Protein backbone atom coordinates (compact mmCIF):
# COMPACT_ATOMS: atom_id res chain seq x y z
CA MET A 1 114.09 132.15 130.61
CA LYS A 2 113.36 133.24 134.15
CA ALA A 3 111.18 136.02 132.70
CA VAL A 4 109.17 133.65 130.41
CA GLY A 5 108.87 131.20 133.21
CA LYS A 6 107.09 133.89 135.01
CA LYS A 7 104.92 135.45 132.68
CA LEU A 8 103.48 131.17 132.20
CA ASP A 9 103.49 131.28 135.75
CA ARG A 10 100.95 134.07 135.89
CA LEU A 11 98.75 132.98 132.80
CA TYR A 12 98.83 129.61 134.07
CA SER A 13 97.15 131.17 137.28
CA TYR A 14 95.08 133.06 135.76
CA VAL A 15 93.35 130.33 133.67
CA LEU A 16 93.47 128.10 137.22
CA ASP A 17 91.72 131.48 138.93
CA ASP A 18 89.22 131.49 136.21
CA HIS A 19 87.98 127.82 136.45
CA LEU A 20 88.06 127.93 140.26
CA THR A 21 85.89 131.07 140.03
CA ARG A 22 83.89 129.17 137.47
CA LYS A 23 82.95 125.83 139.69
CA ALA A 24 82.38 127.76 143.11
CA ALA A 25 79.59 129.38 140.88
CA ARG A 26 77.95 126.43 140.34
CA THR A 27 76.36 123.77 142.73
CA ASP A 28 76.09 121.35 139.77
CA PHE A 29 79.45 121.34 138.35
CA ILE A 30 80.69 119.10 135.84
CA PRO A 31 83.81 119.08 134.53
CA GLU A 32 84.30 120.47 131.02
CA ASP A 33 88.32 119.99 129.93
CA VAL A 34 90.91 118.34 131.23
CA LEU A 35 91.85 121.07 133.62
CA ASP A 36 88.81 120.93 135.78
CA SER A 37 89.21 117.36 135.94
CA LEU A 38 92.61 118.15 137.48
CA LEU A 39 91.54 120.40 139.94
CA GLN A 40 88.21 118.13 140.96
CA LEU A 41 91.12 115.41 141.73
CA ALA A 42 92.96 117.55 143.39
CA GLU A 43 90.10 118.65 145.95
CA ASP A 44 90.23 114.77 146.48
CA SER A 45 91.09 113.68 149.62
CA ASN A 46 91.27 110.33 149.32
CA LEU A 47 94.08 109.68 146.52
CA GLU A 48 97.20 108.40 147.17
CA ILE A 49 99.64 110.80 145.23
CA LYS A 50 97.94 114.33 146.70
CA LEU A 51 97.71 116.77 143.56
CA THR A 52 98.47 120.02 144.22
CA ARG A 53 98.06 123.89 142.43
CA ASP A 54 101.95 123.29 141.47
CA HIS A 55 101.45 120.43 139.70
CA VAL A 56 98.16 121.31 138.13
CA LYS A 57 99.77 124.13 136.32
CA ALA A 58 102.91 121.57 135.31
CA LEU A 59 100.24 119.33 133.77
CA ALA A 60 98.53 122.36 132.03
CA GLN A 61 101.92 123.14 130.97
CA ASN A 62 102.90 119.80 129.43
CA LEU A 63 99.70 119.94 127.78
CA LEU A 64 100.37 123.27 126.12
CA VAL A 65 103.96 122.61 125.46
CA GLY A 66 103.26 118.90 124.52
CA GLY A 67 100.06 118.63 122.54
CA THR A 68 99.77 122.16 120.34
CA ASP A 69 103.09 121.48 118.36
CA THR A 70 103.12 118.30 117.80
CA THR A 71 99.65 117.88 116.72
CA ALA A 72 99.67 121.52 114.58
CA THR A 73 103.62 120.28 112.94
CA THR A 74 101.36 116.74 112.31
CA LEU A 75 98.44 118.07 110.43
CA GLU A 76 101.30 120.25 108.42
CA TRP A 77 103.08 117.56 107.05
CA THR A 78 99.52 115.24 105.94
CA ILE A 79 98.31 118.17 104.50
CA HIS A 80 101.77 118.94 102.39
CA GLU A 81 101.21 115.30 100.98
CA ILE A 82 97.96 115.24 100.51
CA LEU A 83 98.16 118.04 98.11
CA ARG A 84 101.01 116.12 96.34
CA HIS A 85 98.62 113.56 95.98
CA PRO A 86 95.08 114.48 94.69
CA GLN A 87 94.09 110.74 94.51
CA THR A 88 94.09 110.67 98.38
CA ILE A 89 92.06 113.87 98.71
CA GLU A 90 89.30 112.31 96.34
CA LYS A 91 89.77 108.78 98.53
CA ALA A 92 89.23 110.03 101.69
CA LYS A 93 85.97 112.74 100.88
CA GLU A 94 84.69 109.64 99.30
CA GLU A 95 85.14 107.63 102.82
CA LEU A 96 83.25 111.03 104.27
CA ASP A 97 80.91 111.41 101.70
CA ARG A 98 79.75 107.55 102.09
CA VAL A 99 80.19 107.41 105.78
CA ILE A 100 79.28 110.55 107.50
CA GLY A 101 77.24 112.18 104.63
CA ARG A 102 76.59 116.10 103.70
CA ASP A 103 74.10 117.31 106.47
CA ARG A 104 76.89 117.13 109.70
CA TRP A 105 80.35 117.27 110.50
CA VAL A 106 82.88 114.48 111.89
CA GLU A 107 82.90 113.67 115.58
CA GLU A 108 85.02 111.82 117.40
CA LYS A 109 82.61 108.54 117.87
CA ASP A 110 82.83 108.21 113.57
CA HIS A 111 86.82 107.28 113.96
CA SER A 112 86.70 103.78 113.71
CA GLN A 113 84.16 104.15 110.56
CA LEU A 114 87.31 106.09 108.57
CA PRO A 115 89.86 103.73 107.88
CA TYR A 116 90.98 106.10 105.15
CA ILE A 117 91.65 108.67 106.94
CA ASP A 118 93.50 106.85 109.63
CA ALA A 119 95.88 105.21 106.63
CA ILE A 120 96.84 108.89 105.74
CA ILE A 121 97.04 109.97 109.40
CA MET A 122 99.65 106.99 109.74
CA GLU A 123 100.80 106.77 106.44
CA SER A 124 102.16 110.75 107.57
CA MET A 125 103.55 110.27 110.40
CA ARG A 126 105.63 106.68 109.17
CA LEU A 127 107.31 109.92 106.70
CA HIS A 128 107.37 112.93 108.99
CA PRO A 129 107.41 111.67 112.35
CA ILE A 130 107.59 114.42 114.94
CA ALA A 131 110.38 112.83 117.17
CA THR A 132 113.19 112.12 114.72
CA LEU A 133 115.07 110.54 117.79
CA LEU A 134 112.75 109.23 120.41
CA ALA A 135 113.63 110.02 124.18
CA PRO A 136 116.97 109.22 125.22
CA HIS A 137 116.44 105.09 127.70
CA TYR A 138 119.55 103.85 129.45
CA ALA A 139 120.71 100.32 129.78
CA MET A 140 120.18 99.06 132.90
CA GLU A 141 122.46 95.89 132.22
CA ASP A 142 125.61 95.52 129.41
CA CYS A 143 123.38 93.79 126.46
CA LYS A 144 123.49 93.47 122.89
CA VAL A 145 121.46 95.27 120.24
CA ALA A 146 121.31 93.74 116.58
CA GLY A 147 124.75 92.97 117.50
CA TYR A 148 126.64 95.78 118.83
CA ASP A 149 127.66 96.00 122.38
CA ILE A 150 125.56 98.02 124.67
CA ALA A 151 127.23 98.74 127.89
CA LYS A 152 125.41 99.56 130.99
CA GLY A 153 124.46 103.32 131.62
CA THR A 154 124.76 103.94 127.89
CA ALA A 155 121.79 106.23 126.73
CA VAL A 156 120.59 104.85 123.73
CA LEU A 157 118.71 106.94 121.35
CA ILE A 158 116.01 105.59 118.61
CA ASN A 159 116.13 107.15 115.09
CA THR A 160 111.85 106.59 114.47
CA TRP A 161 112.71 108.85 111.11
CA SER A 162 115.30 105.69 109.51
CA LEU A 163 112.33 103.08 111.03
CA GLY A 164 109.17 104.88 108.79
CA ARG A 165 111.78 104.94 105.85
CA ASP A 166 113.84 101.06 106.06
CA PRO A 167 113.55 100.18 102.72
CA ASN A 168 113.67 96.46 104.80
CA SER A 169 110.67 97.14 106.67
CA TRP A 170 108.41 98.71 103.76
CA ASP A 171 108.27 98.38 100.46
CA SER A 172 108.92 101.76 98.16
CA PRO A 173 109.72 103.58 101.47
CA PHE A 174 109.74 107.11 100.29
CA GLU A 175 106.76 106.75 98.41
CA PHE A 176 103.67 108.45 100.19
CA LEU A 177 100.63 105.46 99.98
CA PRO A 178 98.22 105.16 102.28
CA GLU A 179 96.40 102.13 101.34
CA ARG A 180 99.80 100.49 103.04
CA PHE A 181 98.05 100.80 106.20
CA LEU A 182 94.67 99.08 104.58
CA ASP A 183 96.55 95.77 103.74
CA LYS A 184 98.13 95.02 107.20
CA ASP A 185 96.84 95.74 110.40
CA ILE A 186 99.87 97.34 111.36
CA ASP A 187 100.15 98.77 115.21
CA ILE A 188 101.25 102.83 116.02
CA MET A 189 101.78 102.08 119.55
CA GLY A 190 104.66 101.18 119.92
CA SER A 191 104.57 97.30 119.47
CA ASN A 192 105.99 97.74 115.98
CA PHE A 193 109.07 98.52 116.29
CA SER A 194 109.28 99.58 112.19
CA ILE A 195 107.29 102.69 113.40
CA LEU A 196 107.30 104.37 116.37
CA PRO A 197 105.45 107.63 116.28
CA PHE A 198 105.08 108.27 119.84
CA GLY A 199 107.68 105.83 121.55
CA SER A 200 107.13 102.72 123.05
CA GLY A 201 106.42 101.03 127.10
CA ARG A 202 106.83 103.66 130.06
CA ARG A 203 108.27 106.29 128.11
CA ARG A 204 105.56 106.32 125.51
CA CYS A 205 104.34 110.01 124.61
CA PRO A 206 101.40 110.48 127.74
CA GLY A 207 98.76 112.19 125.63
CA TYR A 208 98.79 110.32 122.41
CA ALA A 209 95.39 109.11 122.46
CA LEU A 210 94.20 112.77 122.73
CA GLY A 211 96.71 113.77 119.98
CA LEU A 212 95.13 110.95 117.34
CA LYS A 213 91.44 112.18 118.19
CA VAL A 214 92.60 115.73 117.73
CA ILE A 215 94.09 115.41 114.21
CA ARG A 216 91.47 113.04 113.21
CA THR A 217 88.83 115.13 113.87
CA THR A 218 90.84 118.03 112.47
CA LEU A 219 91.74 116.07 109.31
CA ALA A 220 88.44 114.64 108.83
CA ASN A 221 86.76 117.96 108.79
CA LEU A 222 88.77 119.81 106.71
CA LEU A 223 88.48 117.16 103.88
CA HIS A 224 84.57 117.04 104.73
CA GLY A 225 83.89 120.64 104.49
CA PHE A 226 86.85 122.07 102.30
CA SER A 227 88.28 121.66 99.27
CA VAL A 228 92.19 121.88 99.34
CA GLU A 229 94.69 121.53 96.40
CA ILE A 230 97.60 123.90 95.62
CA GLY A 231 96.76 127.73 94.48
CA TRP A 232 98.30 128.23 91.28
CA GLY A 233 101.89 128.74 90.43
CA HIS A 234 102.95 126.92 93.73
CA GLU A 235 104.35 123.61 94.38
CA ALA A 236 104.06 121.58 97.15
């Protein structure tokens, strides 16, 4: 673990130095990515909490570790489900052709006009949440939750996998039905306890907005630019 940590530290140092070199070479430098913005903040002497080089490294690691595998796995599960439900692919393609047309790719500005793409993603996250158990929360005082006595200091784990498949909250909970998110205004940001893919409150995933944008853009362009189907002799 220590050896891996040292290798990662060298990697982050190399990336930071590369960004700083590019920044120093330009007088009209404009941040091009998150790391550029963080390094610019680290030079701001007016910040109440000073960012150091180590802080920037840590934030970069959080983005790398927390934002790659989670996004990729969500896309894998989503593709798995739509391959099993080809009618979903056809509906998504119809929406993309109608809204985007055939002469360009999907951009971030288009997301709000693609409700069916959003519904596919939300339904995938309902059935296949990345974190089946959310980060533990500790009770600050004795309390009752759903009739159970929770003593102060008890670690409470929320089973998001179970919430997304609860028949008391969802009709046909084990079926992949993106349309359920078109009929109702269901929030996935933490206010609806029947689906919590990003957690809730102050412990909610800090990268949820970026993650959703990446997933929306990637899935939409995949369906817009390619025909996907299960290969002959294979099952999804």
